[in-house]
């Protein structure tokens, strides 16, 4: 098995290991505080607003809204933690389904159920504790992520209710979609109507006081799938112009309806062919009959195990031209390629053992972001994949920003176990080792099995949460 990060006690030992696996991450020997001039403490402008530092909190997918899709106390607790984190960009906080049938789980937030009032509760839950902790919110940017889960929609516990852009040669069979069923394929008319739901949700976010909305275009969800819809006919498929039309149309309509509102996009910069758990290992789906692989975005058609960033970079250029304030870069799909986007030592219950040292996955994401930044230098970019670095995250993040690999460093899972990590880094405080995410993947295992998503191993609140805490332990024991 690959060495765990916690075994490396010195930056030099970590550097030696990176060299041994050919993962040349940028790495500073010393993590600086804000007072010492850390690049992570520098402000950055997004549109007409300024974020006070280079840390962002990634949007996550909770399983603890009300059944109708409204905020609950346990959900607002998470937003409170985002607010006290010290990060000056809260990118979405939570994935909000634009229509009830678009939920990825039955307890996801729904835009219509929230409305302006519900969105205002989310915003206040983050901004008020931030103001209390840091004295101002003038340099805080808070976004709301809008999503449609598409192929992975599961609005009830009865099972998936997929709405898709096109029939996928691998994922249909894997996720219970009948390849002969055309009713689950969204028509162009339905797509036109869906655009209006995004605009309606954006209007409510704007009225509630959010600074930005994020149009989720990653992880195999609907808009990301449309970017790969070469097999689709009509206005929203086929060539690059057709495949990018849905995303660009939503952006254009929101700009028209909400000129005050910044627009961001969380984008899967690259993908690969789906993987599967076979025996004691994870392996890619057999390539026989799958090449050329025309069902992915940012994928080499002739070798789908490799990325091809030509189209993603072309899209980034278009997003900048259309006035998008920033793009948050990710990769892959959590259901089909979890190791690609969330490098982890321990897989979730529906995953597979890491097929490579997870640090290679970290390097892959950071290097792809570096290439994107070099190609579109004027567009602010947020990077992903940092949590697995654990104690060495500040050293890599600082170097990545200093060397111009990325503008802003995003963290997701880590903030569940250690909410004030960004603040402690910038203060130069000794990091609390007992709070650092070790990628146990319980925050994914729990919702995959219908339970609330949180850090059961390290967050005292979730350790005591019953019956969920006991059920997560039992699931992990059963899956080995």
Protein backbone atom coordinates (compact mmCIF):
# COMPACT_ATOMS: atom_id res chain seq x y z
CA UNK A 1 0.00 0.00 0.00
CA UNK A 2 1.09 3.58 -0.47
CA UNK A 3 2.67 5.47 2.44
CA UNK A 4 0.31 7.61 4.49
CA UNK A 5 0.98 11.34 4.58
CA UNK A 6 1.14 11.38 8.39
CA UNK A 7 4.35 9.31 8.32
CA UNK A 8 6.26 12.21 6.74
CA UNK A 9 7.33 14.45 9.60
CA UNK A 10 9.50 16.86 7.61
CA UNK A 11 8.99 18.78 4.38
CA UNK A 12 12.25 17.32 3.07
CA UNK A 13 11.01 13.74 3.52
CA UNK A 14 7.77 14.61 1.77
CA UNK A 15 9.73 16.22 -1.07
CA UNK A 16 11.85 13.07 -1.46
CA UNK A 17 8.72 10.94 -1.74
CA UNK A 18 7.21 13.25 -4.36
CA UNK A 19 10.35 12.91 -6.42
CA UNK A 20 10.27 9.12 -6.11
CA UNK A 21 6.76 8.91 -7.61
CA UNK A 22 7.31 11.60 -10.27
CA UNK A 23 4.73 13.97 -8.80
CA UNK A 24 6.56 17.33 -8.97
CA UNK A 25 4.21 19.41 -6.84
CA UNK A 26 5.32 22.95 -6.01
CA UNK A 27 6.45 22.91 -2.39
CA UNK A 28 7.69 25.68 -0.10
CA UNK A 29 9.95 24.68 2.77
CA UNK A 30 8.25 27.11 5.16
CA UNK A 31 4.57 28.00 5.46
CA UNK A 32 4.29 31.75 6.02
CA UNK A 33 1.64 33.56 8.02
CA UNK A 34 -0.26 36.57 6.74
CA UNK A 35 1.98 38.81 8.85
CA UNK A 36 5.02 37.26 7.18
CA UNK A 37 3.68 37.98 3.70
CA UNK A 38 2.11 34.66 2.71
CA UNK A 39 0.87 34.66 -0.89
CA UNK A 40 -2.28 32.99 0.48
CA UNK A 41 -3.08 36.20 2.38
CA UNK A 42 -3.12 38.41 -0.71
CA UNK A 43 -6.51 39.81 -1.80
CA UNK A 44 -7.88 39.03 -5.24
CA UNK A 45 -10.50 40.76 -7.39
CA UNK A 46 -13.43 38.83 -8.84
CA UNK A 47 -15.54 41.04 -11.04
CA UNK A 48 -16.27 44.20 -9.05
CA UNK A 49 -15.63 42.57 -5.66
CA UNK A 50 -12.57 41.63 -3.68
CA UNK A 51 -11.89 38.48 -1.69
CA UNK A 52 -9.52 39.14 1.19
CA UNK A 53 -7.34 36.05 0.79
CA UNK A 54 -6.66 33.08 -1.49
CA UNK A 55 -8.61 30.38 0.34
CA UNK A 56 -12.00 29.15 -0.92
CA UNK A 57 -14.47 26.68 0.55
CA UNK A 58 -15.73 24.28 -2.10
CA UNK A 59 -19.45 23.57 -2.47
CA UNK A 60 -20.48 20.20 -1.08
CA UNK A 61 -23.54 18.01 -1.39
CA UNK A 62 -25.37 17.72 1.90
CA UNK A 63 -27.93 15.07 2.83
CA UNK A 64 -29.65 16.96 5.61
CA UNK A 65 -32.11 19.50 4.21
CA UNK A 66 -35.78 19.02 5.00
CA UNK A 67 -37.73 16.57 2.86
CA UNK A 68 -39.09 19.51 0.90
CA UNK A 69 -35.58 20.90 0.34
CA UNK A 70 -35.34 23.72 2.91
CA UNK A 71 -32.45 24.48 5.32
CA UNK A 72 -32.37 22.67 8.66
CA UNK A 73 -30.41 23.41 11.83
CA UNK A 74 -27.77 20.76 11.15
CA UNK A 75 -27.33 22.13 7.64
CA UNK A 76 -27.00 25.70 8.91
CA UNK A 77 -24.34 24.44 11.35
CA UNK A 78 -22.21 23.53 8.33
CA UNK A 79 -22.70 27.00 6.81
CA UNK A 80 -21.71 28.52 10.16
CA UNK A 81 -18.45 26.54 9.96
CA UNK A 82 -17.86 27.83 6.44
CA UNK A 83 -18.24 31.34 7.82
CA UNK A 84 -15.73 30.91 10.67
CA UNK A 85 -13.21 29.15 8.43
CA UNK A 86 -11.34 32.34 7.60
CA UNK A 87 -11.62 31.69 3.85
CA UNK A 88 -12.70 34.83 2.01
CA UNK A 89 -14.44 32.99 -0.84
CA UNK A 90 -17.25 30.60 0.04
CA UNK A 91 -17.85 29.00 -3.33
CA UNK A 92 -21.38 27.73 -3.22
CA UNK A 93 -21.33 26.20 0.22
CA UNK A 94 -24.02 23.73 -0.82
CA UNK A 95 -25.28 22.30 -4.10
CA UNK A 96 -28.87 23.50 -4.60
CA UNK A 97 -31.09 21.66 -7.09
CA UNK A 98 -32.90 24.05 -9.42
CA UNK A 99 -35.96 21.76 -9.57
CA UNK A 100 -37.07 19.03 -7.12
CA UNK A 101 -36.52 16.21 -9.60
CA UNK A 102 -32.89 17.33 -10.05
CA UNK A 103 -31.81 16.41 -6.51
CA UNK A 104 -28.88 14.00 -6.17
CA UNK A 105 -30.44 12.77 -2.93
CA UNK A 106 -33.84 13.13 -1.24
CA UNK A 107 -32.51 15.58 1.38
CA UNK A 108 -30.74 18.04 -0.92
CA UNK A 109 -31.65 21.72 -0.93
CA UNK A 110 -34.16 22.74 -3.61
CA UNK A 111 -34.20 26.28 -5.01
CA UNK A 112 -37.99 26.60 -5.18
CA UNK A 113 -38.49 25.34 -1.62
CA UNK A 114 -35.83 27.72 -0.29
CA UNK A 115 -36.86 30.83 -2.21
CA UNK A 116 -35.44 34.18 -1.19
CA UNK A 117 -36.15 33.55 2.52
CA UNK A 118 -34.37 30.19 2.65
CA UNK A 119 -31.40 31.52 0.71
CA UNK A 120 -31.18 34.45 3.11
CA UNK A 121 -30.93 31.99 6.02
CA UNK A 122 -28.00 30.24 4.34
CA UNK A 123 -26.22 33.52 3.71
CA UNK A 124 -26.75 34.79 7.25
CA UNK A 125 -25.51 31.50 8.70
CA UNK A 126 -22.14 32.09 7.02
CA UNK A 127 -21.80 35.88 7.12
CA UNK A 128 -22.80 36.62 10.71
CA UNK A 129 -20.22 34.33 12.36
CA UNK A 130 -17.62 35.52 9.86
CA UNK A 131 -18.28 39.12 10.89
CA UNK A 132 -18.12 38.15 14.56
CA UNK A 133 -14.81 36.34 14.08
CA UNK A 134 -13.03 38.70 11.68
CA UNK A 135 -14.72 42.06 12.13
CA UNK A 136 -16.06 42.57 8.60
CA UNK A 137 -17.62 40.87 5.61
CA UNK A 138 -16.58 43.60 3.18
CA UNK A 139 -13.86 41.32 1.78
CA UNK A 140 -15.96 38.13 1.88
CA UNK A 141 -17.55 36.74 -1.31
CA UNK A 142 -20.30 34.15 -0.85
CA UNK A 143 -21.71 32.18 -3.78
CA UNK A 144 -24.60 29.76 -4.16
CA UNK A 145 -24.15 26.68 -6.33
CA UNK A 146 -27.04 25.83 -8.65
CA UNK A 147 -27.22 22.30 -10.03
CA UNK A 148 -29.16 19.63 -11.87
CA UNK A 149 -27.94 16.13 -11.07
CA UNK A 150 -29.00 14.72 -14.43
CA UNK A 151 -28.03 11.07 -14.73
CA UNK A 152 -27.46 10.88 -10.99
CA UNK A 153 -30.77 12.41 -9.89
CA UNK A 154 -32.39 10.62 -6.95
CA UNK A 155 -35.17 12.84 -5.61
CA UNK A 156 -36.73 10.02 -3.55
CA UNK A 157 -35.42 6.98 -1.69
CA UNK A 158 -37.06 4.75 -4.27
CA UNK A 159 -33.99 5.00 -6.51
CA UNK A 160 -32.55 7.04 -9.33
CA UNK A 161 -34.76 9.01 -11.67
CA UNK A 162 -32.24 9.87 -14.34
CA UNK A 163 -32.62 12.71 -16.81
CA UNK A 164 -29.81 12.63 -19.30
CA UNK A 165 -28.30 14.58 -22.18
CA UNK A 166 -27.58 11.44 -24.22
CA UNK A 167 -27.26 7.68 -23.84
CA UNK A 168 -23.81 6.81 -22.54
CA UNK A 169 -22.10 3.61 -23.78
CA UNK A 170 -20.93 2.62 -20.27
CA UNK A 171 -22.84 4.60 -17.66
CA UNK A 172 -26.34 3.64 -18.85
CA UNK A 173 -25.87 0.02 -17.84
CA UNK A 174 -23.95 0.89 -14.68
CA UNK A 175 -26.61 3.23 -13.35
CA UNK A 176 -29.85 1.60 -14.41
CA UNK A 177 -30.71 3.59 -17.52
CA UNK A 178 -32.43 1.65 -20.28
CA UNK A 179 -30.50 2.44 -23.49
CA UNK A 180 -33.77 2.17 -25.43
CA UNK A 181 -35.60 4.67 -23.20
CA UNK A 182 -35.75 8.01 -24.98
CA UNK A 183 -38.15 9.54 -22.43
CA UNK A 184 -35.29 10.07 -19.95
CA UNK A 185 -33.37 12.14 -22.53
CA UNK A 186 -34.20 15.81 -22.05
CA UNK A 187 -35.72 17.34 -25.17
CA UNK A 188 -34.54 20.71 -26.45
CA UNK A 189 -37.83 22.18 -25.26
CA UNK A 190 -37.26 20.81 -21.76
CA UNK A 191 -33.75 22.25 -21.81
CA UNK A 192 -35.17 25.67 -22.72
CA UNK A 193 -37.54 25.44 -19.76
CA UNK A 194 -34.72 24.34 -17.47
CA UNK A 195 -32.74 27.46 -18.34
CA UNK A 196 -35.59 29.52 -16.91
CA UNK A 197 -35.41 27.59 -13.63
CA UNK A 198 -31.73 28.53 -13.30
CA UNK A 199 -32.66 32.17 -13.88
CA UNK A 200 -35.46 31.99 -11.32
CA UNK A 201 -33.09 30.50 -8.72
CA UNK A 202 -30.47 33.15 -9.50
CA UNK A 203 -33.04 35.92 -9.00
CA UNK A 204 -33.84 34.60 -5.53
CA UNK A 205 -30.15 34.28 -4.68
CA UNK A 206 -29.61 37.85 -5.85
CA UNK A 207 -32.54 39.13 -3.79
CA UNK A 208 -31.24 37.27 -0.74
CA UNK A 209 -27.92 39.12 -1.04
CA UNK A 210 -25.57 36.48 -2.44
CA UNK A 211 -22.57 37.91 -4.28
CA UNK A 212 -22.37 35.16 -6.88
CA UNK A 213 -24.04 32.07 -8.27
CA UNK A 214 -22.08 29.06 -9.45
CA UNK A 215 -23.44 27.15 -12.44
CA UNK A 216 -22.32 23.62 -11.60
CA UNK A 217 -20.72 22.06 -14.68
CA UNK A 218 -18.70 19.24 -13.20
CA UNK A 219 -18.64 15.67 -11.93
CA UNK A 220 -20.85 14.11 -14.60
CA UNK A 221 -23.96 16.08 -13.60
CA UNK A 222 -26.26 17.44 -16.26
CA UNK A 223 -24.45 20.49 -17.64
CA UNK A 224 -21.14 18.62 -17.55
CA UNK A 225 -22.78 15.76 -19.47
CA UNK A 226 -24.04 18.20 -22.08
CA UNK A 227 -20.44 19.31 -22.66
CA UNK A 228 -19.74 15.73 -23.76
CA UNK A 229 -22.95 15.25 -25.79
CA UNK A 230 -21.39 14.49 -29.18
CA UNK A 231 -24.02 11.76 -29.64
CA UNK A 232 -26.89 14.22 -29.21
CA UNK A 233 -28.66 15.85 -32.14
CA UNK A 234 -30.35 19.24 -32.05
CA UNK A 235 -29.29 22.63 -30.70
CA UNK A 236 -27.66 21.34 -27.51
CA UNK A 237 -25.38 18.62 -28.83
CA UNK A 238 -23.02 17.54 -31.56
CA UNK A 239 -20.23 20.04 -32.17
CA UNK A 240 -18.53 22.18 -29.52
CA UNK A 241 -20.89 25.12 -30.11
CA UNK A 242 -23.92 22.90 -29.53
CA UNK A 243 -22.46 21.14 -26.49
CA UNK A 244 -21.53 24.39 -24.75
CA UNK A 245 -24.80 26.15 -25.63
CA UNK A 246 -26.68 25.18 -22.45
CA UNK A 247 -24.02 26.52 -20.11
CA UNK A 248 -23.45 29.69 -22.11
CA UNK A 249 -27.20 30.32 -22.43
CA UNK A 250 -27.71 30.06 -18.67
CA UNK A 251 -24.86 32.52 -18.11
CA UNK A 252 -26.26 34.97 -20.66
CA UNK A 253 -29.76 34.84 -19.22
CA UNK A 254 -28.59 35.31 -15.63
CA UNK A 255 -26.43 38.26 -16.66
CA UNK A 256 -29.51 39.84 -18.24
CA UNK A 257 -31.80 39.13 -15.29
CA UNK A 258 -29.34 39.83 -12.45
CA UNK A 259 -26.68 42.31 -13.60
CA UNK A 260 -25.42 42.82 -10.02
CA UNK A 261 -24.73 39.11 -9.52
CA UNK A 262 -21.32 37.62 -10.24
CA UNK A 263 -21.35 34.30 -12.10
CA UNK A 264 -18.91 31.47 -11.47
CA UNK A 265 -18.62 28.03 -12.99
CA UNK A 266 -17.35 24.88 -11.30
CA UNK A 267 -15.96 22.84 -14.18
CA UNK A 268 -14.57 19.34 -14.53
CA UNK A 269 -11.48 20.23 -16.51
CA UNK A 270 -10.90 16.62 -17.57
CA UNK A 271 -12.37 13.17 -17.24
CA UNK A 272 -11.51 9.59 -18.12
CA UNK A 273 -13.35 6.40 -18.99
CA UNK A 274 -15.38 5.05 -16.02
CA UNK A 275 -13.61 2.81 -13.51
CA UNK A 276 -14.95 -0.16 -11.55
CA UNK A 277 -14.13 -2.30 -8.51
CA UNK A 278 -12.83 -5.71 -9.57
CA UNK A 279 -11.63 -8.11 -6.86
CA UNK A 280 -9.33 -6.15 -4.58
CA UNK A 281 -8.55 -3.38 -7.03
CA UNK A 282 -9.99 -0.58 -9.12
CA UNK A 283 -9.54 -0.72 -12.85
CA UNK A 284 -10.78 1.19 -15.91
CA UNK A 285 -13.65 -0.13 -17.93
CA UNK A 286 -12.30 -2.34 -20.75
CA UNK A 287 -11.32 -0.18 -23.71
CA UNK A 288 -12.40 -2.79 -26.27
CA UNK A 289 -15.32 -1.34 -28.20
CA UNK A 290 -15.05 1.99 -26.35
CA UNK A 291 -12.52 3.71 -28.63
CA UNK A 292 -12.84 6.30 -29.99
CA UNK A 293 -14.39 7.38 -26.71
CA UNK A 294 -16.78 10.18 -27.68
CA UNK A 295 -18.70 10.39 -24.37
CA UNK A 296 -16.36 12.48 -22.25
CA UNK A 297 -15.18 16.08 -21.91
CA UNK A 298 -11.48 16.82 -21.65
CA UNK A 299 -10.70 13.23 -22.69
CA UNK A 300 -8.40 11.99 -25.42
CA UNK A 301 -10.80 10.28 -27.83
CA UNK A 302 -8.23 7.70 -28.91
CA UNK A 303 -6.84 7.04 -25.44
CA UNK A 304 -9.53 7.87 -22.84
CA UNK A 305 -7.13 7.14 -20.00
CA UNK A 306 -5.44 10.43 -20.91
CA UNK A 307 -6.78 13.98 -20.72
CA UNK A 308 -7.08 16.38 -23.65
CA UNK A 309 -7.42 19.97 -22.46
CA UNK A 310 -8.00 21.59 -25.87
CA UNK A 311 -11.79 21.92 -25.53
CA UNK A 312 -11.79 22.77 -21.81
CA UNK A 313 -9.31 25.59 -22.43
CA UNK A 314 -11.42 26.79 -25.35
CA UNK A 315 -14.41 26.83 -23.00
CA UNK A 316 -12.48 28.75 -20.34
CA UNK A 317 -11.66 31.40 -22.92
CA UNK A 318 -15.35 31.67 -23.82
CA UNK A 319 -16.36 31.90 -20.17
CA UNK A 320 -13.95 34.78 -19.67
CA UNK A 321 -15.29 36.54 -22.76
CA UNK A 322 -18.86 36.09 -21.45
CA UNK A 323 -18.04 37.85 -18.19
CA UNK A 324 -17.69 34.87 -15.84
CA UNK A 325 -15.96 36.15 -12.69
CA UNK A 326 -14.02 32.97 -11.85
CA UNK A 327 -13.92 29.25 -12.59
CA UNK A 328 -13.47 26.54 -9.97
CA UNK A 329 -11.61 23.60 -11.51
CA UNK A 330 -12.27 19.98 -10.64
CA UNK A 331 -12.18 16.67 -12.52
CA UNK A 332 -13.98 13.40 -13.15
CA UNK A 333 -17.15 12.00 -11.60
CA UNK A 334 -17.62 10.85 -7.97
CA UNK A 335 -19.67 7.85 -9.07
CA UNK A 336 -17.46 6.67 -11.93
CA UNK A 337 -13.94 7.94 -11.21
CA UNK A 338 -13.70 8.92 -7.51
CA UNK A 339 -9.92 8.59 -7.38
CA UNK A 340 -9.61 11.25 -10.08
CA UNK A 341 -11.33 14.10 -8.23
CA UNK A 342 -10.99 13.12 -4.56
CA UNK A 343 -7.60 11.46 -4.01
CA UNK A 344 -8.00 9.38 -0.85
CA UNK A 345 -6.21 6.65 1.05
CA UNK A 346 -9.48 5.02 2.12
CA UNK A 347 -12.21 4.58 -0.52
CA UNK A 348 -15.93 5.18 0.16
CA UNK A 349 -18.19 2.15 0.44
CA UNK A 350 -19.10 2.25 -3.26
CA UNK A 351 -15.55 3.01 -4.43
CA UNK A 352 -12.41 0.99 -5.05
CA UNK A 353 -8.91 0.93 -3.53
CA UNK A 354 -6.66 3.71 -4.83
CA UNK A 355 -5.10 2.53 -8.11
CA UNK A 356 -2.12 4.87 -7.64
CA UNK A 357 -0.45 6.82 -4.89
CA UNK A 358 -3.13 9.44 -4.25
CA UNK A 359 -0.44 12.12 -4.46
CA UNK A 360 -0.23 11.39 -8.19
CA UNK A 361 -3.92 12.28 -8.40
CA UNK A 362 -3.23 15.51 -6.52
CA UNK A 363 -0.42 16.37 -8.91
CA UNK A 364 -2.59 15.55 -11.94
CA UNK A 365 -5.25 18.05 -10.86
CA UNK A 366 -2.77 20.75 -9.93
CA UNK A 367 -0.82 20.35 -13.16
CA UNK A 368 -3.98 20.48 -15.30
CA UNK A 369 -4.96 23.68 -13.47
CA UNK A 370 -1.47 25.04 -14.13
CA UNK A 371 -1.93 24.44 -17.85
CA UNK A 372 -5.33 26.12 -17.78
CA UNK A 373 -3.95 29.13 -15.92
CA UNK A 374 -1.13 29.49 -18.43
CA UNK A 375 -3.64 29.39 -21.31
CA UNK A 376 -6.15 31.86 -19.80
CA UNK A 377 -4.08 33.96 -17.38
CA UNK A 378 -6.62 36.76 -17.03
CA UNK A 379 -9.40 34.47 -15.69
CA UNK A 380 -9.29 33.87 -11.89
CA UNK A 381 -9.12 30.12 -11.23
CA UNK A 382 -9.78 28.11 -8.07
CA UNK A 383 -7.90 24.83 -7.66
CA UNK A 384 -9.06 21.52 -6.21
CA UNK A 385 -7.45 18.30 -4.98
CA UNK A 386 -5.56 19.81 -2.02
CA UNK A 387 -7.13 18.03 0.97
CA UNK A 388 -5.08 14.84 0.59
CA UNK A 389 -1.91 16.87 1.21
CA UNK A 390 -2.91 17.14 4.88
CA UNK A 391 -0.06 18.76 6.94
CA UNK A 392 1.69 19.78 3.73
CA UNK A 393 -1.31 21.55 2.22
CA UNK A 394 -0.09 25.02 3.32
CA UNK A 395 3.35 24.39 1.81
CA UNK A 396 1.97 23.27 -1.57
CA UNK A 397 -0.86 25.80 -1.66
CA UNK A 398 1.46 28.69 -0.89
CA UNK A 399 3.92 27.59 -3.59
CA UNK A 400 1.16 27.02 -6.15
CA UNK A 401 -0.17 30.57 -5.70
CA UNK A 402 3.33 32.09 -5.53
CA UNK A 403 4.42 30.32 -8.74
CA UNK A 404 1.22 31.22 -10.59
CA UNK A 405 -0.13 27.68 -10.92
CA UNK A 406 -3.46 28.83 -9.49
CA UNK A 407 -5.07 31.97 -8.07
CA UNK A 408 -7.14 30.55 -5.22
CA UNK A 409 -6.86 27.28 -3.28
CA UNK A 410 -10.12 25.47 -2.60
CA UNK A 411 -10.75 23.02 0.23
CA UNK A 412 -13.79 20.80 0.73
CA UNK A 413 -13.67 17.69 2.95
CA UNK A 414 -11.02 19.26 5.15
CA UNK A 415 -13.34 22.03 6.34
CA UNK A 416 -15.76 19.39 7.66
CA UNK A 417 -13.17 18.08 10.12
CA UNK A 418 -11.19 21.29 10.71
CA UNK A 419 -13.34 24.35 9.96
CA UNK A 420 -10.76 26.97 10.94
CA UNK A 421 -7.88 25.48 8.95
CA UNK A 422 -7.52 28.53 6.64
CA UNK A 423 -7.57 30.93 9.60
CA UNK A 424 -4.94 28.92 11.48
CA UNK A 425 -2.66 28.76 8.44
CA UNK A 426 -2.85 32.51 7.89
CA UNK A 427 -2.34 33.20 11.60
CA UNK A 428 0.78 31.05 11.65
CA UNK A 429 -0.76 28.84 14.35
CA UNK A 430 0.39 25.29 14.93
CA UNK A 431 -2.00 23.07 13.00
CA UNK A 432 -4.29 20.85 15.04
CA UNK A 433 -3.23 17.38 13.86
CA UNK A 434 -6.31 15.76 15.35
CA UNK A 435 -8.55 17.80 13.07
CA UNK A 436 -6.76 17.24 9.76
CA UNK A 437 -8.77 15.18 7.28
CA UNK A 438 -7.12 11.81 6.67
CA UNK A 439 -9.51 10.98 3.79
CA UNK A 440 -11.38 8.23 5.63
CA UNK A 441 -14.23 8.92 3.15
CA UNK A 442 -16.98 8.61 5.77
CA UNK A 443 -18.38 11.92 4.49
CA UNK A 444 -19.06 10.09 1.20
CA UNK A 445 -19.89 6.64 2.57
CA UNK A 446 -22.66 8.07 4.77
CA UNK A 447 -24.74 9.75 2.04
CA UNK A 448 -24.15 6.86 -0.36
CA UNK A 449 -26.08 4.83 2.21
CA UNK A 450 -28.81 7.36 2.92
CA UNK A 451 -27.21 8.95 6.00
CA UNK A 452 -26.23 12.53 6.83
CA UNK A 453 -22.92 13.64 5.35
CA UNK A 454 -20.29 14.76 7.86
CA UNK A 455 -16.93 13.86 9.36
CA UNK A 456 -17.81 10.98 11.68
CA UNK A 457 -14.21 10.15 12.70
CA UNK A 458 -13.03 13.67 13.65
CA UNK A 459 -16.02 15.97 14.26
CA UNK A 460 -17.29 15.45 17.82
CA UNK A 461 -20.80 16.42 16.75
CA UNK A 462 -20.99 13.60 14.21
CA UNK A 463 -19.21 11.13 16.48
CA UNK A 464 -22.20 11.49 18.82
CA UNK A 465 -24.85 11.61 16.10
CA UNK A 466 -27.02 8.50 16.41
CA UNK A 467 -28.04 6.25 14.87
CA UNK A 468 -25.90 7.49 11.97
CA UNK A 469 -22.49 7.14 13.68
CA UNK A 470 -23.11 3.48 14.53
CA UNK A 471 -24.49 2.77 11.08
CA UNK A 472 -21.44 4.27 9.36
CA UNK A 473 -19.16 2.09 11.47
CA UNK A 474 -21.19 -1.00 10.59
CA UNK A 475 -21.11 -0.17 6.87
CA UNK A 476 -17.33 0.26 6.95
CA UNK A 477 -16.86 -3.05 8.77
CA UNK A 478 -19.10 -4.84 6.28
CA UNK A 479 -17.29 -3.43 3.25
CA UNK A 480 -13.82 -4.09 4.66
